[in-house]
Full PDB file with SEQRES, HELIX, SHEET, SSBOND, CRYST1, ORIGX, SCALE, CONECT and MASTER records, all heavy atoms in Angstrom:
SEQRES   1 A   37  ASP VAL MET VAL THR LEU SER THR ALA GLY THR ALA SER          
SEQRES   2 A   37  ALA SER ASP TYR SER ILE SER GLY LEU GLN VAL THR ILE          
SEQRES   3 A   37  PRO ALA GLY ASP THR ALA ALA ALA VAL THR ILE                  
SHEET    1 AA1 2 VAL A   2  THR A   5  0                                        
SHEET    2 AA1 2 GLN A  23  ILE A  26 -1                                        
CRYST1    1.000    1.000    1.000  90.00  90.00  90.00 P 1           1          
ORIGX1      1.000000  0.000000  0.000000        0.00000                         
ORIGX2      0.000000  1.000000  0.000000        0.00000                         
ORIGX3      0.000000  0.000000  1.000000        0.00000                         
SCALE1      1.000000  0.000000  0.000000        0.00000                         
SCALE2      0.000000  1.000000  0.000000        0.00000                         
SCALE3      0.000000  0.000000  1.000000        0.00000                         
ATOM      1  N   ASP A   1       0.833  -1.198   0.000  1.00  0.00           N  
ATOM      2  CA  ASP A   1       0.000   0.000   0.000  1.00  0.00           C  
ATOM      3  C   ASP A   1       0.871   1.253   0.000  1.00  0.00           C  
ATOM      4  O   ASP A   1       1.933   1.288   0.630  1.00  0.00           O  
ATOM      5  CB  ASP A   1      -0.908   0.034   1.230  1.00  0.00           C  
ATOM      6  CG  ASP A   1      -1.979  -1.041   1.200  1.00  0.00           C  
ATOM      7  OD1 ASP A   1      -2.083  -1.739   0.169  1.00  0.00           O  
ATOM      8  OD2 ASP A   1      -2.700  -1.177   2.202  1.00  0.00           O  
ATOM      9  N   VAL A   2       0.424   2.273  -0.718  1.00  0.00           N  
ATOM     10  CA  VAL A   2       1.099   3.568  -0.721  1.00  0.00           C  
ATOM     11  C   VAL A   2       0.214   4.563   0.017  1.00  0.00           C  
ATOM     12  O   VAL A   2      -0.972   4.698  -0.290  1.00  0.00           O  
ATOM     13  CB  VAL A   2       1.369   4.059  -2.154  1.00  0.00           C  
ATOM     14  CG1 VAL A   2       1.938   5.481  -2.136  1.00  0.00           C  
ATOM     15  CG2 VAL A   2       2.315   3.119  -2.883  1.00  0.00           C  
ATOM     16  N   MET A   3       0.784   5.235   1.009  1.00  0.00           N  
ATOM     17  CA  MET A   3       0.047   6.202   1.821  1.00  0.00           C  
ATOM     18  C   MET A   3       0.479   7.615   1.441  1.00  0.00           C  
ATOM     19  O   MET A   3       1.668   7.935   1.496  1.00  0.00           O  
ATOM     20  CB  MET A   3       0.327   5.966   3.308  1.00  0.00           C  
ATOM     21  CG  MET A   3       0.175   4.517   3.750  1.00  0.00           C  
ATOM     22  SD  MET A   3      -1.543   3.985   3.770  1.00  0.00           S  
ATOM     23  CE  MET A   3      -2.147   4.917   5.167  1.00  0.00           C  
ATOM     24  N   VAL A   4      -0.478   8.431   1.046  1.00  0.00           N  
ATOM     25  CA  VAL A   4      -0.185   9.805   0.639  1.00  0.00           C  
ATOM     26  C   VAL A   4      -0.968  10.763   1.528  1.00  0.00           C  
ATOM     27  O   VAL A   4      -2.179  10.602   1.709  1.00  0.00           O  
ATOM     28  CB  VAL A   4      -0.556  10.041  -0.835  1.00  0.00           C  
ATOM     29  CG1 VAL A   4      -0.272  11.486  -1.235  1.00  0.00           C  
ATOM     30  CG2 VAL A   4       0.200   9.081  -1.745  1.00  0.00           C  
ATOM     31  N   THR A   5      -0.272  11.733   2.076  1.00  0.00           N  
ATOM     32  CA  THR A   5      -0.905  12.761   2.903  1.00  0.00           C  
ATOM     33  C   THR A   5      -0.991  14.052   2.105  1.00  0.00           C  
ATOM     34  O   THR A   5       0.020  14.531   1.582  1.00  0.00           O  
ATOM     35  CB  THR A   5      -0.106  13.007   4.200  1.00  0.00           C  
ATOM     36  OG1 THR A   5      -0.018  11.791   4.941  1.00  0.00           O  
ATOM     37  CG2 THR A   5      -0.800  14.063   5.054  1.00  0.00           C  
ATOM     38  N   LEU A   6      -2.200  14.589   2.008  1.00  0.00           N  
ATOM     39  CA  LEU A   6      -2.421  15.843   1.302  1.00  0.00           C  
ATOM     40  C   LEU A   6      -2.487  17.002   2.281  1.00  0.00           C  
ATOM     41  O   LEU A   6      -2.771  16.814   3.474  1.00  0.00           O  
ATOM     42  CB  LEU A   6      -3.728  15.784   0.504  1.00  0.00           C  
ATOM     43  CG  LEU A   6      -3.858  14.679  -0.540  1.00  0.00           C  
ATOM     44  CD1 LEU A   6      -5.276  14.682  -1.127  1.00  0.00           C  
ATOM     45  CD2 LEU A   6      -2.832  14.857  -1.642  1.00  0.00           C  
ATOM     46  N   SER A   7      -2.257  18.199   1.789  1.00  0.00           N  
ATOM     47  CA  SER A   7      -2.451  19.407   2.596  1.00  0.00           C  
ATOM     48  C   SER A   7      -3.191  20.430   1.744  1.00  0.00           C  
ATOM     49  O   SER A   7      -3.134  20.392   0.512  1.00  0.00           O  
ATOM     50  CB  SER A   7      -1.119  19.982   3.081  1.00  0.00           C  
ATOM     51  OG  SER A   7      -0.315  20.385   1.989  1.00  0.00           O  
ATOM     52  N   THR A   8      -3.913  21.331   2.414  1.00  0.00           N  
ATOM     53  CA  THR A   8      -4.664  22.366   1.697  1.00  0.00           C  
ATOM     54  C   THR A   8      -4.270  23.741   2.201  1.00  0.00           C  
ATOM     55  O   THR A   8      -3.920  23.927   3.367  1.00  0.00           O  
ATOM     56  CB  THR A   8      -6.181  22.172   1.867  1.00  0.00           C  
ATOM     57  OG1 THR A   8      -6.504  22.204   3.265  1.00  0.00           O  
ATOM     58  CG2 THR A   8      -6.635  20.851   1.265  1.00  0.00           C  
ATOM     59  N   ALA A   9      -4.329  24.702   1.290  1.00  0.00           N  
ATOM     60  CA  ALA A   9      -4.049  26.095   1.617  1.00  0.00           C  
ATOM     61  C   ALA A   9      -4.889  26.938   0.663  1.00  0.00           C  
ATOM     62  O   ALA A   9      -5.812  26.435   0.026  1.00  0.00           O  
ATOM     63  CB  ALA A   9      -2.553  26.388   1.474  1.00  0.00           C  
ATOM     64  N   GLY A  10      -4.575  28.230   0.581  1.00  0.00           N  
ATOM     65  CA  GLY A  10      -5.303  29.104  -0.335  1.00  0.00           C  
ATOM     66  C   GLY A  10      -6.209  30.080   0.377  1.00  0.00           C  
ATOM     67  O   GLY A  10      -6.192  30.209   1.606  1.00  0.00           O  
ATOM     68  N   THR A  11      -7.053  30.754  -0.392  1.00  0.00           N  
ATOM     69  CA  THR A  11      -7.924  31.793   0.169  1.00  0.00           C  
ATOM     70  C   THR A  11      -9.221  31.221   0.747  1.00  0.00           C  
ATOM     71  O   THR A  11      -9.913  31.896   1.496  1.00  0.00           O  
ATOM     72  CB  THR A  11      -8.279  32.835  -0.907  1.00  0.00           C  
ATOM     73  OG1 THR A  11      -8.911  32.173  -2.020  1.00  0.00           O  
ATOM     74  CG2 THR A  11      -7.023  33.544  -1.408  1.00  0.00           C  
ATOM     75  N   ALA A  12      -9.566  29.996   0.377  1.00  0.00           N  
ATOM     76  CA  ALA A  12     -10.770  29.368   0.933  1.00  0.00           C  
ATOM     77  C   ALA A  12     -10.480  28.851   2.341  1.00  0.00           C  
ATOM     78  O   ALA A  12      -9.389  28.340   2.614  1.00  0.00           O  
ATOM     79  CB  ALA A  12     -11.229  28.226   0.034  1.00  0.00           C  
ATOM     80  N   SER A  13     -11.460  28.983   3.228  1.00  0.00           N  
ATOM     81  CA  SER A  13     -11.298  28.516   4.610  1.00  0.00           C  
ATOM     82  C   SER A  13     -12.103  27.240   4.825  1.00  0.00           C  
ATOM     83  O   SER A  13     -12.839  26.785   3.945  1.00  0.00           O  
ATOM     84  CB  SER A  13     -11.767  29.597   5.587  1.00  0.00           C  
ATOM     85  OG  SER A  13     -13.169  29.793   5.462  1.00  0.00           O  
ATOM     86  N   ALA A  14     -11.969  26.672   6.023  1.00  0.00           N  
ATOM     87  CA  ALA A  14     -12.658  25.421   6.349  1.00  0.00           C  
ATOM     88  C   ALA A  14     -14.175  25.567   6.296  1.00  0.00           C  
ATOM     89  O   ALA A  14     -14.891  24.577   6.142  1.00  0.00           O  
ATOM     90  CB  ALA A  14     -12.222  24.939   7.732  1.00  0.00           C  
ATOM     91  N   SER A  15     -14.686  26.787   6.398  1.00  0.00           N  
ATOM     92  CA  SER A  15     -16.136  27.000   6.329  1.00  0.00           C  
ATOM     93  C   SER A  15     -16.651  27.042   4.892  1.00  0.00           C  
ATOM     94  O   SER A  15     -17.861  27.072   4.658  1.00  0.00           O  
ATOM     95  CB  SER A  15     -16.510  28.301   7.044  1.00  0.00           C  
ATOM     96  OG  SER A  15     -15.911  29.412   6.389  1.00  0.00           O  
ATOM     97  N   ASP A  16     -15.730  27.050   3.935  1.00  0.00           N  
ATOM     98  CA  ASP A  16     -16.119  27.156   2.529  1.00  0.00           C  
ATOM     99  C   ASP A  16     -16.230  25.803   1.827  1.00  0.00           C  
ATOM    100  O   ASP A  16     -16.831  25.714   0.753  1.00  0.00           O  
ATOM    101  CB  ASP A  16     -15.106  28.013   1.762  1.00  0.00           C  
ATOM    102  CG  ASP A  16     -15.065  29.444   2.265  1.00  0.00           C  
ATOM    103  OD1 ASP A  16     -16.141  30.052   2.392  1.00  0.00           O  
ATOM    104  OD2 ASP A  16     -13.958  29.941   2.550  1.00  0.00           O  
ATOM    105  N   TYR A  17     -15.651  24.760   2.411  1.00  0.00           N  
ATOM    106  CA  TYR A  17     -15.663  23.459   1.744  1.00  0.00           C  
ATOM    107  C   TYR A  17     -15.390  22.345   2.754  1.00  0.00           C  
ATOM    108  O   TYR A  17     -14.900  22.578   3.872  1.00  0.00           O  
ATOM    109  CB  TYR A  17     -14.595  23.404   0.643  1.00  0.00           C  
ATOM    110  CG  TYR A  17     -13.168  23.436   1.151  1.00  0.00           C  
ATOM    111  CD1 TYR A  17     -12.451  22.258   1.371  1.00  0.00           C  
ATOM    112  CD2 TYR A  17     -12.526  24.647   1.428  1.00  0.00           C  
ATOM    113  CE1 TYR A  17     -11.146  22.288   1.834  1.00  0.00           C  
ATOM    114  CE2 TYR A  17     -11.227  24.695   1.902  1.00  0.00           C  
ATOM    115  CZ  TYR A  17     -10.530  23.507   2.100  1.00  0.00           C  
ATOM    116  OH  TYR A  17      -9.246  23.539   2.564  1.00  0.00           O  
ATOM    117  N   SER A  18     -15.721  21.136   2.339  1.00  0.00           N  
ATOM    118  CA  SER A  18     -15.359  19.955   3.121  1.00  0.00           C  
ATOM    119  C   SER A  18     -14.584  19.012   2.212  1.00  0.00           C  
ATOM    120  O   SER A  18     -14.751  19.033   0.991  1.00  0.00           O  
ATOM    121  CB  SER A  18     -16.610  19.247   3.659  1.00  0.00           C  
ATOM    122  OG  SER A  18     -17.413  18.761   2.592  1.00  0.00           O  
ATOM    123  N   ILE A  19     -13.723  18.204   2.807  1.00  0.00           N  
ATOM    124  CA  ILE A  19     -12.940  17.232   2.056  1.00  0.00           C  
ATOM    125  C   ILE A  19     -13.098  15.878   2.722  1.00  0.00           C  
ATOM    126  O   ILE A  19     -13.107  15.779   3.965  1.00  0.00           O  
ATOM    127  CB  ILE A  19     -11.453  17.655   1.958  1.00  0.00           C  
ATOM    128  CG1 ILE A  19     -10.670  16.695   1.063  1.00  0.00           C  
ATOM    129  CG2 ILE A  19     -10.817  17.788   3.324  1.00  0.00           C  
ATOM    130  CD1 ILE A  19      -9.291  17.233   0.682  1.00  0.00           C  
ATOM    131  N   SER A  20     -13.260  14.842   1.926  1.00  0.00           N  
ATOM    132  CA  SER A  20     -13.551  13.518   2.487  1.00  0.00           C  
ATOM    133  C   SER A  20     -12.359  12.894   3.193  1.00  0.00           C  
ATOM    134  O   SER A  20     -12.512  11.878   3.875  1.00  0.00           O  
ATOM    135  CB  SER A  20     -14.048  12.576   1.381  1.00  0.00           C  
ATOM    136  OG  SER A  20     -13.086  12.434   0.350  1.00  0.00           O  
ATOM    137  N   GLY A  21     -11.197  13.492   3.066  1.00  0.00           N  
ATOM    138  CA  GLY A  21     -10.029  13.005   3.795  1.00  0.00           C  
ATOM    139  C   GLY A  21      -8.754  13.569   3.224  1.00  0.00           C  
ATOM    140  O   GLY A  21      -8.683  13.896   2.027  1.00  0.00           O  
ATOM    141  N   LEU A  22      -7.748  13.701   4.081  1.00  0.00           N  
ATOM    142  CA  LEU A  22      -6.437  14.152   3.636  1.00  0.00           C  
ATOM    143  C   LEU A  22      -5.442  12.999   3.536  1.00  0.00           C  
ATOM    144  O   LEU A  22      -4.329  13.182   3.053  1.00  0.00           O  
ATOM    145  CB  LEU A  22      -5.887  15.232   4.580  1.00  0.00           C  
ATOM    146  CG  LEU A  22      -6.630  16.573   4.555  1.00  0.00           C  
ATOM    147  CD1 LEU A  22      -6.084  17.506   5.636  1.00  0.00           C  
ATOM    148  CD2 LEU A  22      -6.509  17.246   3.183  1.00  0.00           C  
ATOM    149  N   GLN A  23      -5.863  11.837   4.015  1.00  0.00           N  
ATOM    150  CA  GLN A  23      -5.037  10.640   3.908  1.00  0.00           C  
ATOM    151  C   GLN A  23      -5.568   9.781   2.767  1.00  0.00           C  
ATOM    152  O   GLN A  23      -6.732   9.379   2.771  1.00  0.00           O  
ATOM    153  CB  GLN A  23      -5.064   9.837   5.215  1.00  0.00           C  
ATOM    154  CG  GLN A  23      -4.608  10.604   6.447  1.00  0.00           C  
ATOM    155  CD  GLN A  23      -3.118  10.904   6.421  1.00  0.00           C  
ATOM    156  OE1 GLN A  23      -2.326  10.154   5.858  1.00  0.00           O  
ATOM    157  NE2 GLN A  23      -2.727  12.011   7.040  1.00  0.00           N  
ATOM    158  N   VAL A  24      -4.741   9.522   1.799  1.00  0.00           N  
ATOM    159  CA  VAL A  24      -5.145   8.736   0.634  1.00  0.00           C  
ATOM    160  C   VAL A  24      -4.324   7.451   0.613  1.00  0.00           C  
ATOM    161  O   VAL A  24      -3.090   7.506   0.655  1.00  0.00           O  
ATOM    162  CB  VAL A  24      -4.920   9.512  -0.680  1.00  0.00           C  
ATOM    163  CG1 VAL A  24      -5.363   8.684  -1.870  1.00  0.00           C  
ATOM    164  CG2 VAL A  24      -5.663  10.841  -0.637  1.00  0.00           C  
ATOM    165  N   THR A  25      -5.008   6.323   0.553  1.00  0.00           N  
ATOM    166  CA  THR A  25      -4.332   5.027   0.496  1.00  0.00           C  
ATOM    167  C   THR A  25      -4.556   4.401  -0.875  1.00  0.00           C  
ATOM    168  O   THR A  25      -5.700   4.186  -1.290  1.00  0.00           O  
ATOM    169  CB  THR A  25      -4.854   4.065   1.578  1.00  0.00           C  
ATOM    170  OG1 THR A  25      -4.639   4.643   2.868  1.00  0.00           O  
ATOM    171  CG2 THR A  25      -4.135   2.718   1.493  1.00  0.00           C  
ATOM    172  N   ILE A  26      -3.465   4.138  -1.564  1.00  0.00           N  
ATOM    173  CA  ILE A  26      -3.538   3.439  -2.848  1.00  0.00           C  
ATOM    174  C   ILE A  26      -3.166   1.983  -2.583  1.00  0.00           C  
ATOM    175  O   ILE A  26      -2.009   1.681  -2.260  1.00  0.00           O  
ATOM    176  CB  ILE A  26      -2.588   4.060  -3.880  1.00  0.00           C  
ATOM    177  CG1 ILE A  26      -2.897   5.553  -4.054  1.00  0.00           C  
ATOM    178  CG2 ILE A  26      -2.688   3.328  -5.218  1.00  0.00           C  
ATOM    179  CD1 ILE A  26      -1.942   6.281  -4.966  1.00  0.00           C  
ATOM    180  N   PRO A  27      -4.139   1.071  -2.674  1.00  0.00           N  
ATOM    181  CA  PRO A  27      -3.856  -0.336  -2.338  1.00  0.00           C  
ATOM    182  C   PRO A  27      -2.787  -0.940  -3.241  1.00  0.00           C  
ATOM    183  O   PRO A  27      -2.613  -0.520  -4.401  1.00  0.00           O  
ATOM    184  CB  PRO A  27      -5.212  -1.016  -2.556  1.00  0.00           C  
ATOM    185  CG  PRO A  27      -6.223   0.084  -2.491  1.00  0.00           C  
ATOM    186  CD  PRO A  27      -5.536   1.280  -3.057  1.00  0.00           C  
ATOM    187  N   ALA A  28      -2.081  -1.900  -2.711  1.00  0.00           N  
ATOM    188  CA  ALA A  28      -1.078  -2.626  -3.494  1.00  0.00           C  
ATOM    189  C   ALA A  28      -1.713  -3.154  -4.782  1.00  0.00           C  
ATOM    190  O   ALA A  28      -2.811  -3.692  -4.769  1.00  0.00           O  
ATOM    191  CB  ALA A  28      -0.508  -3.786  -2.672  1.00  0.00           C  
ATOM    192  N   GLY A  29      -1.013  -2.939  -5.890  1.00  0.00           N  
ATOM    193  CA  GLY A  29      -1.518  -3.395  -7.179  1.00  0.00           C  
ATOM    194  C   GLY A  29      -2.364  -2.390  -7.912  1.00  0.00           C  
ATOM    195  O   GLY A  29      -2.637  -2.556  -9.104  1.00  0.00           O  
ATOM    196  N   ASP A  30      -2.818  -1.315  -7.223  1.00  0.00           N  
ATOM    197  CA  ASP A  30      -3.592  -0.261  -7.868  1.00  0.00           C  
ATOM    198  C   ASP A  30      -2.686   0.916  -8.220  1.00  0.00           C  
ATOM    199  O   ASP A  30      -1.547   1.011  -7.733  1.00  0.00           O  
ATOM    200  CB  ASP A  30      -4.722   0.216  -6.971  1.00  0.00           C  
ATOM    201  CG  ASP A  30      -5.844  -0.813  -6.849  1.00  0.00           C  
ATOM    202  OD1 ASP A  30      -5.832  -1.775  -7.646  1.00  0.00           O  
ATOM    203  OD2 ASP A  30      -6.712  -0.650  -5.973  1.00  0.00           O  
ATOM    204  N   THR A  31      -3.205   1.827  -9.017  1.00  0.00           N  
ATOM    205  CA  THR A  31      -2.400   2.980  -9.411  1.00  0.00           C  
ATOM    206  C   THR A  31      -3.047   4.318  -9.070  1.00  0.00           C  
ATOM    207  O   THR A  31      -2.491   5.367  -9.404  1.00  0.00           O  
ATOM    208  CB  THR A  31      -2.116   2.953 -10.934  1.00  0.00           C  
ATOM    209  OG1 THR A  31      -3.359   2.906 -11.639  1.00  0.00           O  
ATOM    210  CG2 THR A  31      -1.254   1.757 -11.307  1.00  0.00           C  
ATOM    211  N   ALA A  32      -4.211   4.304  -8.416  1.00  0.00           N  
ATOM    212  CA  ALA A  32      -4.849   5.589  -8.100  1.00  0.00           C  
ATOM    213  C   ALA A  32      -5.871   5.432  -6.987  1.00  0.00           C  
ATOM    214  O   ALA A  32      -6.426   4.347  -6.773  1.00  0.00           O  
ATOM    215  CB  ALA A  32      -5.525   6.181  -9.341  1.00  0.00           C  
ATOM    216  N   ALA A  33      -6.104   6.519  -6.277  1.00  0.00           N  
ATOM    217  CA  ALA A  33      -7.176   6.622  -5.280  1.00  0.00           C  
ATOM    218  C   ALA A  33      -7.564   8.088  -5.211  1.00  0.00           C  
ATOM    219  O   ALA A  33      -6.809   8.977  -5.636  1.00  0.00           O  
ATOM    220  CB  ALA A  33      -6.723   6.106  -3.925  1.00  0.00           C  
ATOM    221  N   ALA A  34      -8.750   8.370  -4.689  1.00  0.00           N  
ATOM    222  CA  ALA A  34      -9.256   9.735  -4.754  1.00  0.00           C  
ATOM    223  C   ALA A  34     -10.022  10.121  -3.497  1.00  0.00           C  
ATOM    224  O   ALA A  34     -10.503   9.266  -2.743  1.00  0.00           O  
ATOM    225  CB  ALA A  34     -10.151   9.901  -5.985  1.00  0.00           C  
ATOM    226  N   VAL A  35     -10.126  11.433  -3.288  1.00  0.00           N  
ATOM    227  CA  VAL A  35     -10.984  12.013  -2.263  1.00  0.00           C  
ATOM    228  C   VAL A  35     -11.851  13.064  -2.939  1.00  0.00           C  
ATOM    229  O   VAL A  35     -11.588  13.483  -4.073  1.00  0.00           O  
ATOM    230  CB  VAL A  35     -10.165  12.641  -1.116  1.00  0.00           C  
ATOM    231  CG1 VAL A  35      -9.385  11.579  -0.374  1.00  0.00           C  
ATOM    232  CG2 VAL A  35      -9.235  13.741  -1.637  1.00  0.00           C  
ATOM    233  N   THR A  36     -12.893  13.496  -2.232  1.00  0.00           N  
ATOM    234  CA  THR A  36     -13.846  14.444  -2.807  1.00  0.00           C  
ATOM    235  C   THR A  36     -13.861  15.743  -2.011  1.00  0.00           C  
ATOM    236  O   THR A  36     -13.857  15.724  -0.773  1.00  0.00           O  
ATOM    237  CB  THR A  36     -15.260  13.847  -2.828  1.00  0.00           C  
ATOM    238  OG1 THR A  36     -15.249  12.658  -3.610  1.00  0.00           O  
ATOM    239  CG2 THR A  36     -16.257  14.824  -3.435  1.00  0.00           C  
ATOM    240  N   ILE A  37     -13.871  16.864  -2.719  1.00  0.00           N  
ATOM    241  CA  ILE A  37     -14.051  18.181  -2.101  1.00  0.00           C  
ATOM    242  C   ILE A  37     -15.433  18.690  -2.480  1.00  0.00           C  
ATOM    243  O   ILE A  37     -15.808  18.676  -3.661  1.00  0.00           O  
ATOM    244  CB  ILE A  37     -12.975  19.172  -2.557  1.00  0.00           C  
ATOM    245  CG1 ILE A  37     -11.612  18.777  -1.981  1.00  0.00           C  
ATOM    246  CG2 ILE A  37     -13.332  20.601  -2.128  1.00  0.00           C  
ATOM    247  CD1 ILE A  37     -10.472  19.709  -2.379  1.00  0.00           C  
TER     248      ILE A  37                                                      
MASTER        0    0    0    0    2    0    0    6  247    1    0    3          
END                                                                             
């Protein structure tokens, strides 16, 4: 498994959007995984 940690910045604040997670796990044998904003 590959573990990727995302970070967010910019002019939008936490009250402007939600994100389904900042930790993304790409299972062994796969090539992609996603989160939703």
